[in-house]
Amino acid sequence: MGYDRQTYRRRKIGDSLRMFRESLGLTQTAACRLLDRSQASLSAYENGHRAIRPRDLKHILDVYGVTDALVRSRLLSLAAQGRQDGWWHDFDERLAPGVVDFASLEADALYICSFAPQVVHGLMQCDDYASVVIGGSGTALRRTPQEIETDIRFRLHRQKIHDLPQPPKIVIVLGEAALRQRMGGRRVMRDQMIKLLEMGGRAHIELQVLPFAVESHPGLDGAFTIMGVGPEGLLEVVTLHSMTRTWYVDEPSDVDHYRRTFDLLREIALPESDSRELIEQIVSEL
């Protein structure tokens, strides 16, 4: 239960607790008297610096009069997941919190929908391609060779998700540029295209390509991922990555916008069978 780095789950729970408290017109001091809890612990919960047990969260929600079943289910699910161990904890002290946090959400997702216009999605990368992409990224300019090697191992570890007894449904729209840019040269790209063909044949994966022939599309703002986290995908969150941090978007109206955008991208992208044919064609050219 100790204090540690913030995670998306803890920030989400903390922001919600603060909002509930303030909507009742309560100061932290007044809320602590009602909850029979120290101000230090409530402050740590609200600031996302401390994990909260589901039973303690349930008690606070009860005292605050939060009765919305969906809201309660989402928050209690996040609290339960936040206490689970996973392979990513081995990287806690070696990688930025946002990177580790993203992998933990990915592992708890019921479904993952991603638009990757420039680079093959991390869950689909072969070893050599991942090494080239990570080693040549803007982020790498700030990291030592040892740190870059850790980044590569971490990315490849994320692919354990494919071997879960019930892996999440994964739908990916790749830009044709991600297939044509010869990252690492012909051999690396050939291996990467072969891996894409193999991954695209798995039952839990749907892979489409947005071809150069499309004159305009709604994904011009760049890559994004939509995840349905927790039982029945109760919480939808959009993740956006930059060179310096990961952004989480979970306001329902914003998530709906990304969902509509993704649906439109799927409509104008090549069907799965045609996408596979294009990848096979690119393999023959390498």
Protein backbone atom coordinates (compact mmCIF):
# COMPACT_ATOMS: atom_id res chain seq x y z
CA MET A 1 0.00 0.00 0.00
CA GLY A 2 3.05 2.29 0.08
CA TYR A 3 3.51 5.53 -1.78
CA ASP A 4 5.01 5.35 -5.24
CA ARG A 5 4.82 6.86 -8.69
CA GLN A 6 1.53 7.95 -10.15
CA THR A 7 -0.25 5.73 -12.64
CA TYR A 8 -3.19 6.45 -14.89
CA ARG A 9 -5.46 4.32 -12.68
CA ARG A 10 -4.49 6.16 -9.52
CA ARG A 11 -4.82 9.56 -11.15
CA LYS A 12 -8.24 8.64 -12.49
CA ILE A 13 -9.45 7.42 -9.09
CA GLY A 14 -7.91 10.43 -7.34
CA ASP A 15 -9.43 12.96 -9.72
CA SER A 16 -12.83 11.31 -9.28
CA LEU A 17 -12.60 11.32 -5.48
CA ARG A 18 -11.65 14.99 -5.49
CA MET A 19 -14.54 15.82 -7.82
CA PHE A 20 -17.04 13.92 -5.64
CA ARG A 21 -15.77 15.64 -2.49
CA GLU A 22 -15.85 19.12 -3.99
CA SER A 23 -19.33 18.57 -5.44
CA LEU A 24 -20.50 18.05 -1.84
CA GLY A 25 -18.83 21.28 -0.77
CA LEU A 26 -16.47 19.44 1.57
CA THR A 27 -12.92 20.45 2.43
CA GLN A 28 -10.41 17.64 2.84
CA THR A 29 -10.54 18.19 6.61
CA ALA A 30 -14.33 17.88 6.71
CA ALA A 31 -14.26 14.82 4.43
CA CYS A 32 -11.68 13.13 6.63
CA ARG A 33 -13.94 13.53 9.66
CA LEU A 34 -16.79 11.86 7.78
CA LEU A 35 -14.54 9.09 6.50
CA ASP A 36 -12.63 8.61 9.76
CA ARG A 37 -9.40 8.82 7.79
CA SER A 38 -6.27 10.94 8.05
CA GLN A 39 -5.89 13.94 5.77
CA ALA A 40 -2.51 12.62 4.63
CA SER A 41 -4.04 9.40 3.29
CA LEU A 42 -6.98 11.14 1.59
CA SER A 43 -4.60 13.66 0.01
CA ALA A 44 -2.40 10.80 -1.25
CA TYR A 45 -5.44 9.10 -2.80
CA GLU A 46 -6.66 12.30 -4.45
CA ASN A 47 -3.21 13.11 -5.82
CA GLY A 48 -2.76 9.61 -7.22
CA HIS A 49 0.31 8.84 -5.12
CA ARG A 50 -1.11 5.90 -3.22
CA ALA A 51 -2.99 2.76 -4.20
CA ILE A 52 -6.41 2.34 -2.65
CA ARG A 53 -7.97 -0.97 -1.72
CA PRO A 54 -11.33 -1.64 -3.38
CA ARG A 55 -13.06 -1.97 0.01
CA ASP A 56 -11.72 1.42 1.11
CA LEU A 57 -12.79 2.98 -2.17
CA LYS A 58 -16.24 1.46 -1.81
CA HIS A 59 -16.54 2.99 1.68
CA ILE A 60 -15.59 6.46 0.38
CA LEU A 61 -18.05 6.19 -2.51
CA ASP A 62 -20.78 5.15 -0.08
CA VAL A 63 -20.08 8.08 2.25
CA TYR A 64 -20.01 10.50 -0.69
CA GLY A 65 -23.32 9.12 -1.92
CA VAL A 66 -22.03 7.98 -5.30
CA THR A 67 -24.74 5.61 -6.51
CA ASP A 68 -24.17 5.49 -10.29
CA ALA A 69 -23.54 1.77 -10.88
CA LEU A 70 -21.37 2.30 -13.98
CA VAL A 71 -19.18 4.92 -12.29
CA ARG A 72 -18.72 2.70 -9.25
CA SER A 73 -17.91 -0.36 -11.36
CA ARG A 74 -15.30 1.51 -13.40
CA LEU A 75 -13.52 2.94 -10.37
CA LEU A 76 -13.62 -0.29 -8.34
CA SER A 77 -12.28 -2.19 -11.35
CA LEU A 78 -9.41 0.27 -11.69
CA ALA A 79 -8.62 -0.06 -7.98
CA ALA A 80 -8.53 -3.86 -8.20
CA GLN A 81 -6.35 -3.87 -11.34
CA GLY A 82 -3.95 -1.34 -9.89
CA ARG A 83 -2.96 -3.82 -7.18
CA GLN A 84 -2.16 -6.66 -9.58
CA ASP A 85 1.40 -7.72 -10.29
CA GLY A 86 2.66 -8.03 -13.83
CA TRP A 87 5.89 -8.47 -15.80
CA TRP A 88 6.02 -4.67 -16.33
CA HIS A 89 6.85 -4.07 -12.66
CA ASP A 90 10.36 -5.36 -13.39
CA PHE A 91 10.84 -2.19 -15.45
CA ASP A 92 9.38 0.28 -12.92
CA GLU A 93 12.69 1.86 -11.94
CA ARG A 94 14.24 1.77 -15.40
CA LEU A 95 11.60 3.34 -17.64
CA ALA A 96 9.42 6.45 -17.56
CA PRO A 97 6.21 5.88 -15.55
CA GLY A 98 3.99 6.57 -18.57
CA VAL A 99 5.62 3.81 -20.61
CA VAL A 100 5.17 1.17 -17.91
CA ASP A 101 1.67 2.40 -17.15
CA PHE A 102 0.63 2.05 -20.79
CA ALA A 103 1.77 -1.59 -20.89
CA SER A 104 -0.20 -2.42 -17.73
CA LEU A 105 -3.37 -0.93 -19.22
CA GLU A 106 -2.71 -2.79 -22.47
CA ALA A 107 -2.47 -6.08 -20.56
CA ASP A 108 -5.83 -5.41 -18.83
CA ALA A 109 -7.62 -4.38 -22.03
CA LEU A 110 -10.58 -6.24 -23.45
CA TYR A 111 -9.91 -4.64 -26.83
CA ILE A 112 -7.25 -2.44 -28.43
CA CYS A 113 -7.92 -0.34 -31.52
CA SER A 114 -4.95 1.53 -32.95
CA PHE A 115 -4.12 3.79 -35.88
CA ALA A 116 -0.42 3.69 -36.77
CA PRO A 117 0.22 5.79 -39.88
CA GLN A 118 4.04 5.95 -39.91
CA VAL A 119 5.48 3.01 -37.96
CA VAL A 120 4.40 -0.61 -37.52
CA HIS A 121 2.55 -0.95 -34.23
CA GLY A 122 4.69 -2.06 -31.27
CA LEU A 123 2.62 -5.21 -30.72
CA MET A 124 3.47 -6.30 -34.27
CA GLN A 125 7.17 -5.45 -34.48
CA CYS A 126 9.87 -8.06 -35.05
CA ASP A 127 13.05 -7.83 -32.98
CA ASP A 128 15.29 -6.11 -35.53
CA TYR A 129 12.62 -3.64 -36.60
CA ALA A 130 11.95 -2.70 -32.96
CA SER A 131 15.70 -2.14 -32.45
CA VAL A 132 15.91 0.17 -35.45
CA VAL A 133 12.77 2.14 -34.55
CA ILE A 134 13.68 2.63 -30.90
CA GLY A 135 17.35 3.30 -31.60
CA GLY A 136 16.49 5.95 -34.17
CA SER A 137 13.65 7.69 -32.35
CA GLY A 138 13.78 11.18 -30.91
CA THR A 139 13.46 9.66 -27.44
CA ALA A 140 16.73 7.75 -28.00
CA LEU A 141 18.66 11.02 -28.18
CA ARG A 142 18.16 11.40 -24.43
CA ARG A 143 19.05 7.83 -23.46
CA THR A 144 22.18 5.72 -23.04
CA PRO A 145 22.78 2.53 -25.08
CA GLN A 146 21.87 0.49 -22.00
CA GLU A 147 18.60 2.39 -21.61
CA ILE A 148 17.79 1.91 -25.29
CA GLU A 149 18.38 -1.83 -24.89
CA THR A 150 15.94 -1.82 -21.95
CA ASP A 151 13.37 -0.02 -24.14
CA ILE A 152 13.73 -2.70 -26.80
CA ARG A 153 13.32 -5.57 -24.34
CA PHE A 154 10.31 -3.86 -22.83
CA ARG A 155 8.61 -3.42 -26.20
CA LEU A 156 9.13 -7.07 -27.10
CA HIS A 157 7.85 -8.13 -23.66
CA ARG A 158 4.59 -6.35 -24.46
CA GLN A 159 3.94 -8.96 -27.12
CA LYS A 160 3.32 -11.53 -24.37
CA ILE A 161 -0.24 -10.25 -24.65
CA HIS A 162 -0.74 -12.39 -27.78
CA ASP A 163 -0.16 -15.58 -25.80
CA LEU A 164 -2.68 -14.94 -23.04
CA PRO A 165 -5.42 -17.59 -22.69
CA GLN A 166 -7.87 -14.87 -23.75
CA PRO A 167 -5.93 -12.14 -25.55
CA PRO A 168 -7.67 -8.83 -26.20
CA LYS A 169 -9.31 -8.17 -29.53
CA ILE A 170 -6.73 -6.13 -31.47
CA VAL A 171 -7.71 -4.03 -34.48
CA ILE A 172 -4.93 -2.09 -36.19
CA VAL A 173 -5.01 0.27 -39.17
CA LEU A 174 -1.51 0.77 -40.56
CA GLY A 175 -0.61 3.55 -42.95
CA GLU A 176 1.06 2.33 -46.13
CA ALA A 177 4.01 4.54 -45.18
CA ALA A 178 4.67 2.20 -42.25
CA LEU A 179 5.11 -0.63 -44.77
CA ARG A 180 7.13 1.28 -47.35
CA GLN A 181 9.67 3.10 -45.15
CA ARG A 182 12.67 0.77 -45.22
CA MET A 183 13.59 0.93 -41.57
CA GLY A 184 16.89 -0.95 -41.19
CA GLY A 185 17.04 -1.92 -44.86
CA ARG A 186 15.53 -4.62 -47.05
CA ARG A 187 16.22 -7.63 -44.81
CA VAL A 188 14.75 -6.04 -41.70
CA MET A 189 11.66 -4.89 -43.59
CA ARG A 190 11.20 -8.28 -45.22
CA ASP A 191 11.28 -9.95 -41.79
CA GLN A 192 8.86 -7.33 -40.51
CA MET A 193 6.39 -7.87 -43.37
CA ILE A 194 6.52 -11.64 -42.82
CA LYS A 195 5.76 -11.10 -39.15
CA LEU A 196 2.81 -8.89 -40.06
CA LEU A 197 1.43 -11.64 -42.29
CA GLU A 198 1.79 -14.14 -39.46
CA MET A 199 0.19 -11.84 -36.88
CA GLY A 200 -2.63 -10.90 -39.23
CA GLY A 201 -3.58 -14.57 -39.43
CA ARG A 202 -4.25 -14.82 -35.68
CA ALA A 203 -7.87 -15.03 -34.58
CA HIS A 204 -7.72 -12.08 -32.17
CA ILE A 205 -6.13 -9.68 -34.65
CA GLU A 206 -7.67 -7.65 -37.48
CA LEU A 207 -5.13 -5.82 -39.63
CA GLN A 208 -5.96 -3.26 -42.31
CA VAL A 209 -3.82 -0.93 -44.40
CA LEU A 210 -4.68 2.67 -45.27
CA PRO A 211 -3.21 2.96 -48.80
CA PHE A 212 -1.47 5.93 -50.37
CA ALA A 213 -4.31 6.02 -52.93
CA VAL A 214 -6.66 7.50 -50.29
CA GLU A 215 -6.57 11.22 -51.04
CA SER A 216 -7.67 12.43 -47.59
CA HIS A 217 -8.57 10.86 -44.28
CA PRO A 218 -9.60 11.86 -40.73
CA GLY A 219 -6.40 10.56 -39.09
CA LEU A 220 -4.13 13.40 -40.17
CA ASP A 221 -3.45 14.39 -36.54
CA GLY A 222 -1.43 11.21 -36.09
CA ALA A 223 -1.31 7.91 -34.24
CA PHE A 224 -3.64 6.99 -31.39
CA THR A 225 -4.84 3.93 -29.50
CA ILE A 226 -8.25 3.26 -27.97
CA MET A 227 -8.41 0.68 -25.18
CA GLY A 228 -11.40 -0.79 -23.39
CA VAL A 229 -9.96 -1.52 -19.94
CA GLY A 230 -11.33 -3.87 -17.33
CA PRO A 231 -14.26 -6.30 -17.34
CA GLU A 232 -16.48 -5.71 -20.38
CA GLY A 233 -14.22 -2.79 -21.36
CA LEU A 234 -15.98 -0.64 -18.76
CA LEU A 235 -13.49 2.20 -19.11
CA GLU A 236 -12.50 3.48 -22.55
CA VAL A 237 -9.29 5.48 -22.72
CA VAL A 238 -7.39 6.95 -25.65
CA THR A 239 -3.60 7.07 -25.46
CA LEU A 240 -1.41 9.46 -27.41
CA HIS A 241 2.39 9.22 -27.38
CA SER A 242 4.93 11.97 -27.89
CA MET A 243 8.73 11.96 -27.55
CA THR A 244 8.49 13.08 -23.92
CA ARG A 245 5.29 11.66 -22.46
CA THR A 246 2.08 9.65 -22.86
CA TRP A 247 -1.28 11.43 -22.80
CA TYR A 248 -4.51 9.81 -21.64
CA VAL A 249 -7.90 11.00 -22.89
CA ASP A 250 -10.99 9.56 -21.19
CA GLU A 251 -13.65 12.27 -21.38
CA PRO A 252 -16.55 10.33 -23.01
CA SER A 253 -17.19 12.96 -25.70
CA ASP A 254 -13.49 12.98 -26.65
CA VAL A 255 -13.29 9.19 -26.69
CA ASP A 256 -16.40 9.10 -28.90
CA HIS A 257 -14.65 11.44 -31.34
CA TYR A 258 -11.64 9.13 -31.56
CA ARG A 259 -13.94 6.13 -31.90
CA ARG A 260 -15.79 7.74 -34.84
CA THR A 261 -12.46 8.68 -36.41
CA PHE A 262 -11.20 5.11 -36.09
CA ASP A 263 -14.42 3.70 -37.58
CA LEU A 264 -14.06 6.05 -40.56
CA LEU A 265 -10.42 5.00 -41.02
CA ARG A 266 -11.50 1.36 -41.11
CA GLU A 267 -14.14 2.14 -43.71
CA ILE A 268 -11.68 3.74 -46.14
CA ALA A 269 -8.77 1.36 -45.41
CA LEU A 270 -8.31 -1.77 -47.48
CA PRO A 271 -10.28 -4.82 -46.29
CA GLU A 272 -8.23 -7.42 -44.44
CA SER A 273 -7.82 -9.67 -47.49
CA ASP A 274 -6.68 -6.79 -49.72
CA SER A 275 -4.39 -5.53 -46.98
CA ARG A 276 -2.76 -8.94 -46.84
CA GLU A 277 -2.29 -8.92 -50.61
CA LEU A 278 -0.58 -5.52 -50.42
CA ILE A 279 1.80 -6.75 -47.72
CA GLU A 280 2.58 -9.85 -49.80
CA GLN A 281 3.27 -7.61 -52.78
CA ILE A 282 5.67 -5.50 -50.72
CA VAL A 283 7.45 -8.68 -49.54
CA SER A 284 7.95 -9.70 -53.19
CA GLU A 285 9.58 -6.33 -53.89
CA LEU A 286 12.11 -6.61 -51.06
